[in-house]
Every structure is written in structure tokens, then in C-alpha cells.
């Protein structure tokens, strides 16, 4: 659709730090929330530390049609629905008033974790409108740790893909049609609940890539 593309990428091959490399803008509850640890991006989770919310926006200026993807590592189990991580497109705002479409890996209340496609319209990360969902574990799993999670916004078509070496997990996972959000920036989203055992659940991301098209 375009002769040239705006591209942003990061393999997070930097020294451990509480700040992401150049190319990112962070919005977080505390300056130490988003970290680079062992060449991956993650959010610091503290047992009993209360709810923690963080966003990382790319600093390039993207066209309206865009995609973002990253490889998921870490633990995604747990009994809380308030622990999540993922990639977003057409993002803007802050962690307390976020607008964008997000592909999210989320823990569930005692069950298998799921992948969700959600829309946020000037909302807190604890809110949002669920557009579609798919299971992440067990029979019929569409995504697993070590796979790349990708979200695309192409006009009113919003799609989530798994990029995996396992054929049954490689391809389109979720889709929706929505015209609410027309522009913004890709990036990463993190949230942990206020549960006392919140340190048990981490969402580490590697090999982030975004572009418009």
C-alpha cells in the first residue's frame, strides 16, 4: 500500500536497566516499572506492591495502518485476570487513559491463560472492551510462550496473529471490525493486579517489531 514504510524494532540487547533504549517513551506508575532484564523487556512485579500499570510507545510517526509484534517469554499462568501483557497499535494517551487496540496475553481465574483482542477508548488498563478471545493452553491452543504475537490494524480490520514453528499455532488467531480508533502509535502494554502473589506472573518480550503499511 505504501512505497516506503516507517519501521521500529528492538531486540533489547542492552545492559540491564530500568529504562528502555532510545526509540521508546515510557508511561508507568514508577520509574523502575519497565525494565530490560537479560535482553528482554519486562515489567517489575513486586509481591504485595499493589496494581502496576505501564505502557511503552514507539517514538516514530506511523501511518494509520500499522502492525506490532513481539516474542513472548515468561510465566503466563496464575489465578488472576488482572495480570496481562501484550502489543498494541494506534495507541495514545496514558496508562490511566489509554486509547488503542491491544493483543493481550492474560491470566484467568483458575483456568488456562488466554489471548485477547481489546479496544481501549480513553480508559484505564484495567478496563477496555473485549473484541475477541482465544485459549492459550490445552486442546486447541492458538498461542504459546516462545511464539510471536502480532496485531494489525488495516482500516477497520483489526487482526491478531501467532507466528509459530508449530503449524497449528501459526496464523490468524483473532479478528474484529472496528472503526473507533483511526491513528496512533504501536508499542507494548503491561499490567499486574494488586494480588499479594503478583510476583509469580511475568510477561517478558523480545524482538519487538513495528511498521506501517
N, C-alpha and C. Protein backbone atom coordinates (compact mmCIF):
# COMPACT_ATOMS: atom_id res chain seq x y z
N UNK A 1 0.81 -1.21 0.00
CA UNK A 1 0.00 0.00 0.00
C UNK A 1 0.85 1.27 0.00
N UNK A 2 2.11 1.16 0.45
CA UNK A 2 2.99 2.31 0.51
C UNK A 2 4.32 1.97 -0.14
N UNK A 3 4.94 2.98 -0.71
CA UNK A 3 6.25 2.77 -1.33
C UNK A 3 7.34 2.65 -0.27
N UNK A 4 7.19 3.36 0.82
CA UNK A 4 8.15 3.30 1.92
C UNK A 4 7.39 3.10 3.23
N UNK A 5 8.08 2.56 4.21
CA UNK A 5 7.45 2.25 5.49
C UNK A 5 8.21 2.90 6.63
N UNK A 6 7.47 3.23 7.68
CA UNK A 6 8.08 3.61 8.95
C UNK A 6 8.26 2.33 9.75
N UNK A 7 9.47 2.07 10.22
CA UNK A 7 9.77 0.83 10.93
C UNK A 7 10.41 1.15 12.27
N UNK A 8 10.01 0.41 13.30
CA UNK A 8 10.65 0.48 14.60
C UNK A 8 10.90 -0.92 15.11
N UNK A 9 12.08 -1.18 15.66
CA UNK A 9 12.38 -2.51 16.16
C UNK A 9 13.34 -2.43 17.33
N UNK A 10 13.33 -3.49 18.14
CA UNK A 10 14.23 -3.54 19.29
C UNK A 10 14.37 -4.99 19.73
N UNK A 11 15.61 -5.49 19.77
CA UNK A 11 15.88 -6.83 20.29
C UNK A 11 16.26 -6.78 21.76
N UNK A 12 16.29 -5.58 22.34
CA UNK A 12 16.57 -5.38 23.77
C UNK A 12 17.92 -5.96 24.18
N UNK A 13 18.88 -5.94 23.26
CA UNK A 13 20.22 -6.42 23.57
C UNK A 13 21.03 -5.28 24.18
N UNK A 14 20.66 -4.94 25.40
CA UNK A 14 21.32 -3.86 26.13
C UNK A 14 21.57 -4.32 27.55
N UNK A 15 22.37 -3.55 28.26
CA UNK A 15 22.63 -3.87 29.67
C UNK A 15 21.33 -3.77 30.46
N UNK A 16 21.23 -4.56 31.53
CA UNK A 16 20.06 -4.49 32.39
C UNK A 16 19.85 -3.05 32.85
N UNK A 17 18.59 -2.60 32.77
CA UNK A 17 18.32 -1.19 33.05
C UNK A 17 16.86 -1.03 33.42
N UNK A 18 16.54 0.07 34.09
CA UNK A 18 15.16 0.44 34.38
C UNK A 18 14.59 1.36 33.31
N UNK A 19 15.31 1.51 32.20
CA UNK A 19 14.86 2.36 31.11
C UNK A 19 15.06 1.64 29.79
N UNK A 20 14.07 1.67 28.92
CA UNK A 20 14.21 1.09 27.60
C UNK A 20 15.16 1.94 26.75
N UNK A 21 15.76 1.38 25.69
CA UNK A 21 16.68 2.14 24.84
C UNK A 21 15.97 3.28 24.12
N UNK A 22 16.75 4.06 23.37
CA UNK A 22 16.17 5.13 22.56
C UNK A 22 15.18 4.53 21.58
N UNK A 23 14.18 5.31 21.23
CA UNK A 23 13.11 4.81 20.36
C UNK A 23 11.83 4.51 21.11
N UNK A 24 11.88 4.66 22.44
CA UNK A 24 10.71 4.38 23.27
C UNK A 24 10.38 5.57 24.17
N UNK A 25 9.08 5.73 24.45
CA UNK A 25 8.59 6.63 25.50
C UNK A 25 7.81 5.78 26.49
N UNK A 26 8.16 5.85 27.77
CA UNK A 26 7.52 5.04 28.80
C UNK A 26 6.51 5.86 29.60
N UNK A 27 5.40 5.23 29.93
CA UNK A 27 4.42 5.81 30.85
C UNK A 27 4.13 4.74 31.89
N UNK A 28 4.49 4.97 33.15
CA UNK A 28 4.46 3.93 34.16
C UNK A 28 4.22 4.52 35.54
N UNK A 29 3.78 3.67 36.45
CA UNK A 29 3.48 4.13 37.80
C UNK A 29 4.73 4.56 38.54
N UNK A 30 5.85 3.89 38.30
CA UNK A 30 7.13 4.24 38.91
C UNK A 30 8.22 4.09 37.87
N UNK A 31 9.30 4.84 38.04
CA UNK A 31 10.37 4.85 37.04
C UNK A 31 11.04 3.50 36.87
N UNK A 32 10.87 2.60 37.83
CA UNK A 32 11.51 1.29 37.76
C UNK A 32 10.59 0.21 37.20
N UNK A 33 9.37 0.55 36.80
CA UNK A 33 8.41 -0.48 36.39
C UNK A 33 8.84 -1.24 35.14
N UNK A 34 9.15 -0.53 34.06
CA UNK A 34 9.57 -1.18 32.82
C UNK A 34 11.08 -1.35 32.86
N UNK A 35 11.53 -2.57 32.60
CA UNK A 35 12.94 -2.89 32.70
C UNK A 35 13.43 -3.61 31.45
N UNK A 36 14.75 -3.58 31.26
CA UNK A 36 15.42 -4.57 30.43
C UNK A 36 16.14 -5.51 31.39
N UNK A 37 15.85 -6.79 31.28
CA UNK A 37 16.48 -7.79 32.12
C UNK A 37 16.86 -8.98 31.25
N UNK A 38 18.14 -9.31 31.23
CA UNK A 38 18.68 -10.40 30.40
C UNK A 38 18.17 -10.32 28.96
N UNK A 39 18.30 -9.14 28.39
CA UNK A 39 17.99 -8.89 26.97
C UNK A 39 16.53 -9.09 26.61
N UNK A 40 15.65 -8.82 27.57
CA UNK A 40 14.21 -8.83 27.31
C UNK A 40 13.56 -7.66 28.02
N UNK A 41 12.43 -7.20 27.47
CA UNK A 41 11.68 -6.13 28.11
C UNK A 41 10.62 -6.76 29.01
N UNK A 42 10.48 -6.21 30.21
CA UNK A 42 9.50 -6.75 31.15
C UNK A 42 9.07 -5.65 32.11
N UNK A 43 8.06 -5.94 32.90
CA UNK A 43 7.65 -5.02 33.95
C UNK A 43 8.02 -5.63 35.30
N UNK A 44 8.60 -4.83 36.16
CA UNK A 44 8.95 -5.26 37.50
C UNK A 44 7.67 -5.53 38.29
N UNK A 45 7.57 -6.74 38.84
CA UNK A 45 6.42 -7.12 39.64
C UNK A 45 6.86 -7.28 41.09
N UNK A 46 6.15 -6.68 42.00
CA UNK A 46 6.52 -6.68 43.41
C UNK A 46 5.40 -7.32 44.22
N UNK A 47 5.72 -8.34 45.00
CA UNK A 47 4.71 -9.01 45.82
C UNK A 47 4.07 -8.02 46.78
N UNK A 48 2.74 -7.95 46.75
CA UNK A 48 2.02 -7.07 47.65
C UNK A 48 2.18 -5.59 47.34
N UNK A 49 2.71 -5.29 46.16
CA UNK A 49 3.00 -3.90 45.83
C UNK A 49 1.84 -3.13 45.25
N UNK A 50 0.69 -3.75 45.11
CA UNK A 50 -0.46 -3.06 44.54
C UNK A 50 -0.46 -3.14 43.02
N UNK A 51 -1.53 -2.66 42.41
CA UNK A 51 -1.65 -2.70 40.96
C UNK A 51 -0.57 -1.85 40.31
N UNK A 52 -0.03 -2.36 39.21
CA UNK A 52 1.04 -1.67 38.49
C UNK A 52 0.66 -1.62 37.02
N UNK A 53 0.80 -0.45 36.40
CA UNK A 53 0.40 -0.25 35.02
C UNK A 53 1.53 0.44 34.26
N UNK A 54 1.77 0.00 33.04
CA UNK A 54 2.85 0.59 32.26
C UNK A 54 2.59 0.45 30.77
N UNK A 55 3.01 1.46 30.03
CA UNK A 55 2.93 1.48 28.57
C UNK A 55 4.29 1.89 28.02
N UNK A 56 4.66 1.32 26.88
CA UNK A 56 5.86 1.74 26.17
C UNK A 56 5.48 2.04 24.72
N UNK A 57 5.62 3.30 24.32
CA UNK A 57 5.25 3.75 22.98
C UNK A 57 6.50 3.91 22.12
N UNK A 58 6.43 3.51 20.85
CA UNK A 58 7.48 3.84 19.92
C UNK A 58 7.43 5.33 19.61
N UNK A 59 8.59 5.90 19.31
CA UNK A 59 8.67 7.35 19.11
C UNK A 59 8.54 7.76 17.64
N UNK A 60 8.57 6.79 16.71
CA UNK A 60 8.40 7.15 15.30
C UNK A 60 6.96 7.59 15.03
N UNK A 61 6.76 8.28 13.92
CA UNK A 61 5.42 8.68 13.49
C UNK A 61 4.94 7.71 12.42
N UNK A 62 3.87 6.99 12.74
CA UNK A 62 3.37 5.92 11.88
C UNK A 62 2.10 6.34 11.15
N UNK A 63 1.89 5.73 9.98
CA UNK A 63 0.62 5.88 9.29
C UNK A 63 -0.47 5.12 10.02
N UNK A 64 -1.71 5.31 9.58
CA UNK A 64 -2.85 4.73 10.29
C UNK A 64 -2.86 3.20 10.26
N UNK A 65 -2.44 2.61 9.12
CA UNK A 65 -2.39 1.16 9.01
C UNK A 65 -1.05 0.68 9.54
N UNK A 66 -1.06 -0.14 10.57
CA UNK A 66 0.20 -0.49 11.23
C UNK A 66 0.09 -1.85 11.90
N UNK A 67 1.26 -2.43 12.20
CA UNK A 67 1.32 -3.69 12.93
C UNK A 67 2.41 -3.59 13.99
N UNK A 68 2.27 -4.44 15.00
CA UNK A 68 3.28 -4.57 16.05
C UNK A 68 3.34 -6.02 16.47
N UNK A 69 4.55 -6.52 16.69
CA UNK A 69 4.68 -7.90 17.16
C UNK A 69 5.90 -8.04 18.07
N UNK A 70 5.86 -9.07 18.90
CA UNK A 70 6.96 -9.37 19.80
C UNK A 70 6.85 -10.83 20.23
N UNK A 71 7.97 -11.40 20.66
CA UNK A 71 8.01 -12.78 21.14
C UNK A 71 7.77 -12.81 22.64
N UNK A 72 6.87 -13.68 23.07
CA UNK A 72 6.52 -13.78 24.48
C UNK A 72 7.36 -14.84 25.19
N UNK A 73 7.93 -14.45 26.33
CA UNK A 73 8.60 -15.37 27.23
C UNK A 73 8.09 -15.13 28.64
N UNK A 74 8.37 -16.04 29.54
CA UNK A 74 7.97 -15.85 30.93
C UNK A 74 6.76 -16.67 31.30
N UNK A 75 6.32 -16.51 32.53
CA UNK A 75 5.18 -17.26 33.05
C UNK A 75 3.89 -16.53 32.76
N UNK A 76 2.90 -17.26 32.24
CA UNK A 76 1.61 -16.64 31.95
C UNK A 76 0.48 -17.38 32.64
N UNK A 77 0.82 -18.21 33.61
CA UNK A 77 -0.21 -18.88 34.39
C UNK A 77 -0.73 -17.98 35.48
N UNK A 78 -1.51 -18.56 36.39
CA UNK A 78 -1.99 -17.78 37.52
C UNK A 78 -3.48 -17.70 37.60
N UNK A 79 -3.94 -17.21 38.73
CA UNK A 79 -5.37 -17.21 39.02
C UNK A 79 -5.97 -15.82 38.96
N UNK A 80 -5.26 -14.88 38.41
CA UNK A 80 -5.79 -13.52 38.38
C UNK A 80 -6.04 -13.06 36.96
N UNK A 81 -7.16 -12.39 36.75
CA UNK A 81 -7.46 -11.81 35.44
C UNK A 81 -6.80 -10.46 35.27
N UNK A 82 -6.17 -9.94 36.31
CA UNK A 82 -5.61 -8.60 36.25
C UNK A 82 -4.16 -8.53 35.85
N UNK A 83 -3.54 -9.68 35.49
CA UNK A 83 -2.15 -9.69 35.07
C UNK A 83 -2.10 -9.92 33.57
N UNK A 84 -1.51 -8.99 32.85
CA UNK A 84 -1.53 -9.07 31.38
C UNK A 84 -0.29 -8.43 30.78
N UNK A 85 -0.07 -8.74 29.52
CA UNK A 85 0.97 -8.10 28.75
C UNK A 85 0.69 -8.29 27.28
N UNK A 86 1.15 -7.37 26.45
CA UNK A 86 0.89 -7.52 25.03
C UNK A 86 1.39 -6.37 24.20
N UNK A 87 1.04 -6.42 22.91
CA UNK A 87 1.42 -5.38 21.96
C UNK A 87 0.17 -4.62 21.53
N UNK A 88 0.36 -3.35 21.19
CA UNK A 88 -0.78 -2.54 20.75
C UNK A 88 -0.45 -1.77 19.50
N UNK A 89 -1.49 -1.33 18.79
CA UNK A 89 -1.39 -0.44 17.64
C UNK A 89 -2.37 0.71 17.82
N UNK A 90 -2.08 1.80 17.08
CA UNK A 90 -2.90 3.02 17.15
C UNK A 90 -3.05 3.48 18.60
N UNK A 91 -1.97 3.38 19.35
CA UNK A 91 -2.01 3.73 20.76
C UNK A 91 -1.72 5.20 21.02
N UNK A 92 -2.34 5.73 22.07
CA UNK A 92 -2.08 7.10 22.52
C UNK A 92 -2.57 7.24 23.95
N UNK A 93 -2.22 8.36 24.58
CA UNK A 93 -2.71 8.63 25.93
C UNK A 93 -1.74 8.16 27.00
N UNK A 94 -2.30 7.77 28.12
CA UNK A 94 -1.52 7.38 29.29
C UNK A 94 -2.06 6.06 29.84
N UNK A 95 -1.37 5.54 30.85
CA UNK A 95 -1.79 4.27 31.45
C UNK A 95 -3.15 4.38 32.14
N UNK A 96 -3.56 5.59 32.55
CA UNK A 96 -4.87 5.77 33.18
C UNK A 96 -5.94 6.21 32.19
N UNK A 97 -5.52 6.57 30.97
CA UNK A 97 -6.47 6.99 29.93
C UNK A 97 -5.89 6.61 28.57
N UNK A 98 -5.90 5.32 28.30
CA UNK A 98 -5.26 4.77 27.11
C UNK A 98 -6.27 4.56 25.99
N UNK A 99 -5.85 4.87 24.78
CA UNK A 99 -6.64 4.61 23.58
C UNK A 99 -5.81 3.76 22.64
N UNK A 100 -6.39 2.67 22.14
CA UNK A 100 -5.67 1.82 21.20
C UNK A 100 -6.28 0.44 21.12
N UNK A 101 -5.76 -0.36 20.19
CA UNK A 101 -6.13 -1.77 20.07
C UNK A 101 -4.97 -2.60 20.58
N UNK A 102 -5.25 -3.59 21.43
CA UNK A 102 -4.19 -4.37 22.05
C UNK A 102 -4.43 -5.86 21.91
N UNK A 103 -3.37 -6.59 21.58
CA UNK A 103 -3.37 -8.05 21.64
C UNK A 103 -2.71 -8.44 22.95
N UNK A 104 -3.44 -9.12 23.81
CA UNK A 104 -3.03 -9.28 25.20
C UNK A 104 -3.00 -10.75 25.59
N UNK A 105 -1.93 -11.16 26.26
CA UNK A 105 -1.88 -12.44 26.95
C UNK A 105 -2.31 -12.18 28.39
N UNK A 106 -3.33 -12.92 28.85
CA UNK A 106 -3.90 -12.61 30.16
C UNK A 106 -4.11 -13.89 30.97
N UNK A 107 -3.82 -13.83 32.25
CA UNK A 107 -4.17 -14.91 33.15
C UNK A 107 -5.67 -14.93 33.37
N UNK A 108 -6.21 -16.10 33.74
CA UNK A 108 -7.64 -16.22 34.00
C UNK A 108 -7.85 -16.71 35.43
N UNK A 109 -9.07 -16.69 35.86
CA UNK A 109 -9.39 -17.05 37.24
C UNK A 109 -9.37 -18.56 37.44
N UNK A 110 -8.16 -19.10 37.58
CA UNK A 110 -8.01 -20.53 37.81
C UNK A 110 -7.95 -21.38 36.57
N UNK A 111 -8.13 -20.81 35.39
CA UNK A 111 -8.12 -21.58 34.16
C UNK A 111 -6.89 -21.30 33.32
N UNK A 112 -6.91 -21.80 32.09
CA UNK A 112 -5.79 -21.57 31.18
C UNK A 112 -5.74 -20.11 30.77
N UNK A 113 -4.54 -19.56 30.58
CA UNK A 113 -4.43 -18.19 30.09
C UNK A 113 -5.01 -18.06 28.68
N UNK A 114 -5.32 -16.83 28.29
CA UNK A 114 -5.97 -16.57 27.01
C UNK A 114 -5.26 -15.45 26.27
N UNK A 115 -5.54 -15.37 24.98
CA UNK A 115 -5.16 -14.23 24.16
C UNK A 115 -6.42 -13.42 23.90
N UNK A 116 -6.34 -12.14 24.12
CA UNK A 116 -7.49 -11.26 23.92
C UNK A 116 -7.18 -10.15 22.94
N UNK A 117 -8.15 -9.78 22.15
CA UNK A 117 -8.11 -8.57 21.32
C UNK A 117 -9.04 -7.57 21.98
N UNK A 118 -8.48 -6.47 22.45
CA UNK A 118 -9.27 -5.48 23.20
C UNK A 118 -9.11 -4.10 22.61
N UNK A 119 -10.15 -3.31 22.77
CA UNK A 119 -10.15 -1.90 22.38
C UNK A 119 -10.21 -1.04 23.64
N UNK A 120 -9.34 -0.06 23.70
CA UNK A 120 -9.36 0.91 24.80
C UNK A 120 -9.68 2.28 24.22
N UNK A 121 -10.61 2.98 24.84
CA UNK A 121 -11.02 4.29 24.37
C UNK A 121 -10.95 5.27 25.53
N UNK A 122 -9.76 5.85 25.74
CA UNK A 122 -9.50 6.75 26.86
C UNK A 122 -9.87 6.07 28.19
N UNK A 123 -9.32 4.85 28.39
CA UNK A 123 -9.66 4.03 29.55
C UNK A 123 -8.42 3.57 30.29
N UNK A 124 -8.61 3.21 31.55
CA UNK A 124 -7.55 2.59 32.33
C UNK A 124 -7.24 1.21 31.78
N UNK A 125 -6.04 0.71 32.04
CA UNK A 125 -5.65 -0.60 31.53
C UNK A 125 -6.45 -1.72 32.19
N UNK A 126 -7.10 -1.44 33.29
CA UNK A 126 -7.97 -2.43 33.93
C UNK A 126 -9.34 -2.52 33.26
N UNK A 127 -9.59 -1.63 32.31
CA UNK A 127 -10.90 -1.58 31.63
C UNK A 127 -10.73 -2.11 30.21
N UNK A 128 -11.30 -1.41 29.23
CA UNK A 128 -11.23 -1.84 27.84
C UNK A 128 -12.43 -2.67 27.44
N UNK A 129 -12.65 -2.79 26.13
CA UNK A 129 -13.74 -3.58 25.56
C UNK A 129 -13.16 -4.80 24.86
N UNK A 130 -13.57 -5.98 25.28
CA UNK A 130 -13.09 -7.22 24.67
C UNK A 130 -13.77 -7.41 23.31
N UNK A 131 -12.97 -7.54 22.25
CA UNK A 131 -13.49 -7.75 20.91
C UNK A 131 -13.48 -9.22 20.50
N UNK A 132 -12.50 -9.98 20.99
CA UNK A 132 -12.40 -11.41 20.65
C UNK A 132 -11.40 -12.06 21.60
N UNK A 133 -11.51 -13.38 21.77
CA UNK A 133 -10.60 -14.09 22.67
C UNK A 133 -10.36 -15.51 22.18
N UNK A 134 -9.21 -16.10 22.55
CA UNK A 134 -8.86 -17.48 22.18
C UNK A 134 -8.03 -18.08 23.30
N UNK A 135 -8.13 -19.39 23.49
CA UNK A 135 -7.37 -20.04 24.54
C UNK A 135 -5.90 -20.13 24.17
N UNK A 136 -5.05 -20.13 25.22
CA UNK A 136 -3.62 -20.15 25.01
C UNK A 136 -2.99 -21.47 25.43
N UNK A 137 -3.75 -22.37 26.04
CA UNK A 137 -3.19 -23.63 26.53
C UNK A 137 -4.20 -24.75 26.38
N UNK A 138 -3.70 -25.99 26.41
CA UNK A 138 -4.58 -27.14 26.33
C UNK A 138 -5.00 -27.46 24.90
N UNK A 139 -6.03 -28.25 24.75
CA UNK A 139 -6.52 -28.67 23.44
C UNK A 139 -6.99 -27.45 22.62
N UNK A 140 -6.50 -27.34 21.41
CA UNK A 140 -6.89 -26.23 20.56
C UNK A 140 -6.19 -24.93 20.84
N UNK A 141 -5.09 -24.98 21.58
CA UNK A 141 -4.34 -23.76 21.89
C UNK A 141 -3.91 -23.06 20.60
N UNK A 142 -4.05 -21.75 20.57
CA UNK A 142 -3.69 -20.97 19.39
C UNK A 142 -2.39 -20.19 19.56
N UNK A 143 -1.82 -20.20 20.76
CA UNK A 143 -0.63 -19.40 21.02
C UNK A 143 0.06 -19.99 22.24
N UNK A 144 1.39 -19.87 22.30
CA UNK A 144 2.14 -20.38 23.44
C UNK A 144 3.38 -19.52 23.67
N UNK A 145 3.98 -19.66 24.84
CA UNK A 145 5.22 -18.96 25.12
C UNK A 145 6.28 -19.37 24.10
N UNK A 146 7.04 -18.39 23.62
CA UNK A 146 8.02 -18.63 22.57
C UNK A 146 7.51 -18.28 21.19
N UNK A 147 6.21 -18.09 21.04
CA UNK A 147 5.63 -17.65 19.77
C UNK A 147 5.66 -16.12 19.70
N UNK A 148 5.58 -15.59 18.49
CA UNK A 148 5.42 -14.15 18.30
C UNK A 148 3.94 -13.80 18.25
N UNK A 149 3.58 -12.77 18.97
CA UNK A 149 2.21 -12.26 18.97
C UNK A 149 2.18 -10.99 18.13
N UNK A 150 1.31 -10.95 17.13
CA UNK A 150 1.25 -9.79 16.24
C UNK A 150 -0.16 -9.25 16.16
N UNK A 151 -0.28 -7.93 16.19
CA UNK A 151 -1.56 -7.27 15.99
C UNK A 151 -1.44 -6.32 14.81
N UNK A 152 -2.47 -6.31 13.97
CA UNK A 152 -2.50 -5.45 12.79
C UNK A 152 -3.79 -4.64 12.78
N UNK A 153 -3.68 -3.39 12.39
CA UNK A 153 -4.84 -2.54 12.14
C UNK A 153 -4.76 -2.06 10.70
N UNK A 154 -5.71 -2.50 9.90
CA UNK A 154 -5.76 -2.16 8.47
C UNK A 154 -7.14 -1.61 8.19
N UNK A 155 -7.28 -0.28 8.17
CA UNK A 155 -8.60 0.32 8.06
C UNK A 155 -9.43 -0.07 9.27
N UNK A 156 -10.59 -0.66 9.04
CA UNK A 156 -11.45 -1.09 10.14
C UNK A 156 -11.23 -2.56 10.52
N UNK A 157 -10.28 -3.21 9.86
CA UNK A 157 -9.98 -4.61 10.14
C UNK A 157 -8.86 -4.69 11.19
N UNK A 158 -9.15 -5.32 12.31
CA UNK A 158 -8.18 -5.49 13.38
C UNK A 158 -7.94 -6.99 13.55
N UNK A 159 -6.69 -7.44 13.41
CA UNK A 159 -6.39 -8.86 13.43
C UNK A 159 -5.22 -9.16 14.36
N UNK A 160 -5.25 -10.37 14.94
CA UNK A 160 -4.17 -10.84 15.80
C UNK A 160 -3.66 -12.16 15.23
N UNK A 161 -2.34 -12.28 15.10
CA UNK A 161 -1.71 -13.46 14.54
C UNK A 161 -0.73 -14.07 15.54
N UNK A 162 -0.54 -15.37 15.42
CA UNK A 162 0.55 -16.07 16.07
C UNK A 162 1.55 -16.47 15.00
N UNK A 163 2.82 -16.17 15.25
CA UNK A 163 3.89 -16.58 14.34
C UNK A 163 4.67 -17.64 15.09
N UNK A 164 4.50 -18.90 14.66
CA UNK A 164 5.00 -20.03 15.43
C UNK A 164 5.59 -21.10 14.52
N UNK A 165 6.54 -21.86 15.07
CA UNK A 165 7.08 -23.01 14.34
C UNK A 165 6.12 -24.19 14.37
N UNK A 166 5.11 -24.12 15.21
CA UNK A 166 4.10 -25.19 15.30
C UNK A 166 2.96 -24.85 14.35
N UNK A 167 2.71 -25.66 13.33
CA UNK A 167 1.71 -25.30 12.31
C UNK A 167 0.34 -24.96 12.89
N UNK A 168 -0.12 -25.69 13.90
CA UNK A 168 -1.45 -25.44 14.45
C UNK A 168 -1.56 -24.10 15.17
N UNK A 169 -0.41 -23.50 15.48
CA UNK A 169 -0.41 -22.20 16.17
C UNK A 169 0.08 -21.07 15.26
N UNK A 170 0.28 -21.33 14.00
CA UNK A 170 0.81 -20.34 13.08
C UNK A 170 -0.32 -19.78 12.22
N UNK A 171 -0.62 -18.50 12.37
CA UNK A 171 -1.66 -17.90 11.54
C UNK A 171 -2.59 -17.02 12.34
N UNK A 172 -3.71 -16.68 11.72
CA UNK A 172 -4.69 -15.78 12.33
C UNK A 172 -5.31 -16.41 13.57
N UNK A 173 -5.31 -15.66 14.66
CA UNK A 173 -5.94 -16.11 15.90
C UNK A 173 -7.29 -15.44 16.10
N UNK A 174 -7.29 -14.11 16.00
CA UNK A 174 -8.47 -13.32 16.33
C UNK A 174 -8.68 -12.23 15.29
N UNK A 175 -9.93 -11.81 15.12
CA UNK A 175 -10.21 -10.69 14.21
C UNK A 175 -11.48 -9.98 14.66
N UNK A 176 -11.56 -8.71 14.29
CA UNK A 176 -12.74 -7.91 14.59
C UNK A 176 -12.79 -6.76 13.60
N UNK A 177 -13.95 -6.20 13.44
CA UNK A 177 -14.13 -4.99 12.64
C UNK A 177 -14.51 -3.86 13.57
N UNK A 178 -13.75 -2.77 13.52
CA UNK A 178 -13.99 -1.66 14.43
C UNK A 178 -13.44 -0.38 13.82
N UNK A 179 -14.17 0.70 13.94
CA UNK A 179 -13.76 1.98 13.35
C UNK A 179 -13.54 3.06 14.39
N UNK A 180 -13.47 2.68 15.66
CA UNK A 180 -13.40 3.67 16.74
C UNK A 180 -12.11 4.46 16.72
N UNK A 181 -10.97 3.80 16.48
CA UNK A 181 -9.65 4.42 16.63
C UNK A 181 -8.98 4.49 15.27
N UNK A 182 -8.61 5.69 14.84
CA UNK A 182 -8.13 5.87 13.47
C UNK A 182 -6.62 6.03 13.37
N UNK A 183 -5.93 6.38 14.45
CA UNK A 183 -4.50 6.65 14.36
C UNK A 183 -3.84 6.48 15.72
N UNK A 184 -2.52 6.51 15.72
CA UNK A 184 -1.77 6.37 16.96
C UNK A 184 -0.43 5.71 16.70
N UNK A 185 0.14 5.14 17.75
CA UNK A 185 1.50 4.62 17.73
C UNK A 185 1.53 3.20 18.28
N UNK A 186 2.34 2.29 17.71
CA UNK A 186 2.46 0.95 18.27
C UNK A 186 3.34 0.91 19.51
N UNK A 187 3.22 -0.19 20.27
CA UNK A 187 4.06 -0.34 21.45
C UNK A 187 3.69 -1.56 22.27
N UNK A 188 4.11 -1.56 23.55
CA UNK A 188 3.89 -2.66 24.48
C UNK A 188 3.10 -2.19 25.68
N UNK A 189 2.26 -3.09 26.20
CA UNK A 189 1.43 -2.79 27.38
C UNK A 189 1.69 -3.84 28.45
N UNK A 190 1.70 -3.40 29.72
CA UNK A 190 1.88 -4.29 30.86
C UNK A 190 0.91 -3.88 31.97
N UNK A 191 0.39 -4.88 32.68
CA UNK A 191 -0.40 -4.58 33.87
C UNK A 191 -0.34 -5.75 34.84
N UNK A 192 -0.23 -5.46 36.13
CA UNK A 192 -0.34 -6.50 37.15
C UNK A 192 -1.42 -6.11 38.14
N UNK A 193 -2.08 -7.11 38.69
CA UNK A 193 -3.13 -6.86 39.67
C UNK A 193 -2.52 -6.53 41.02
N UNK A 194 -3.38 -6.31 41.99
CA UNK A 194 -2.92 -5.98 43.34
C UNK A 194 -2.78 -7.21 44.21
N UNK A 195 -2.84 -8.42 43.64
CA UNK A 195 -2.73 -9.63 44.43
C UNK A 195 -1.38 -9.71 45.13
N UNK A 196 -1.36 -10.31 46.31
CA UNK A 196 -0.12 -10.41 47.06
C UNK A 196 0.91 -11.29 46.39
N UNK A 197 0.48 -12.23 45.51
CA UNK A 197 1.43 -13.12 44.85
C UNK A 197 1.75 -12.67 43.44
N UNK A 198 1.62 -11.37 43.19
CA UNK A 198 1.76 -10.84 41.84
C UNK A 198 3.13 -11.11 41.25
N UNK A 199 4.15 -11.29 42.10
CA UNK A 199 5.48 -11.54 41.59
C UNK A 199 5.58 -12.84 40.80
N UNK A 200 4.60 -13.72 40.92
CA UNK A 200 4.63 -15.02 40.25
C UNK A 200 4.38 -14.92 38.75
N UNK A 201 3.87 -13.81 38.27
CA UNK A 201 3.42 -13.74 36.88
C UNK A 201 4.21 -12.67 36.13
N UNK A 202 4.96 -13.11 35.13
CA UNK A 202 5.75 -12.16 34.37
C UNK A 202 5.48 -12.32 32.89
N UNK A 203 5.52 -11.21 32.18
CA UNK A 203 5.38 -11.21 30.73
C UNK A 203 6.64 -10.54 30.18
N UNK A 204 7.56 -11.33 29.67
CA UNK A 204 8.80 -10.83 29.10
C UNK A 204 8.68 -10.85 27.58
N UNK A 205 9.16 -9.79 26.94
CA UNK A 205 9.02 -9.66 25.49
C UNK A 205 10.38 -9.45 24.84
N UNK A 206 10.54 -10.06 23.68
CA UNK A 206 11.79 -9.95 22.94
C UNK A 206 11.45 -9.67 21.48
N UNK A 207 12.45 -9.16 20.75
CA UNK A 207 12.35 -9.00 19.29
C UNK A 207 11.11 -8.21 18.88
N UNK A 208 10.93 -7.04 19.47
CA UNK A 208 9.80 -6.19 19.08
C UNK A 208 10.03 -5.64 17.68
N UNK A 209 8.93 -5.59 16.90
CA UNK A 209 8.98 -5.05 15.55
C UNK A 209 7.66 -4.37 15.24
N UNK A 210 7.72 -3.19 14.64
CA UNK A 210 6.51 -2.46 14.24
C UNK A 210 6.76 -1.76 12.91
N UNK A 211 5.71 -1.61 12.14
CA UNK A 211 5.79 -0.81 10.92
C UNK A 211 4.40 -0.41 10.48
N UNK A 212 4.35 0.61 9.62
CA UNK A 212 3.07 0.93 8.97
C UNK A 212 3.09 0.32 7.56
N UNK A 213 1.97 0.37 6.88
CA UNK A 213 1.87 -0.25 5.56
C UNK A 213 0.73 0.35 4.76
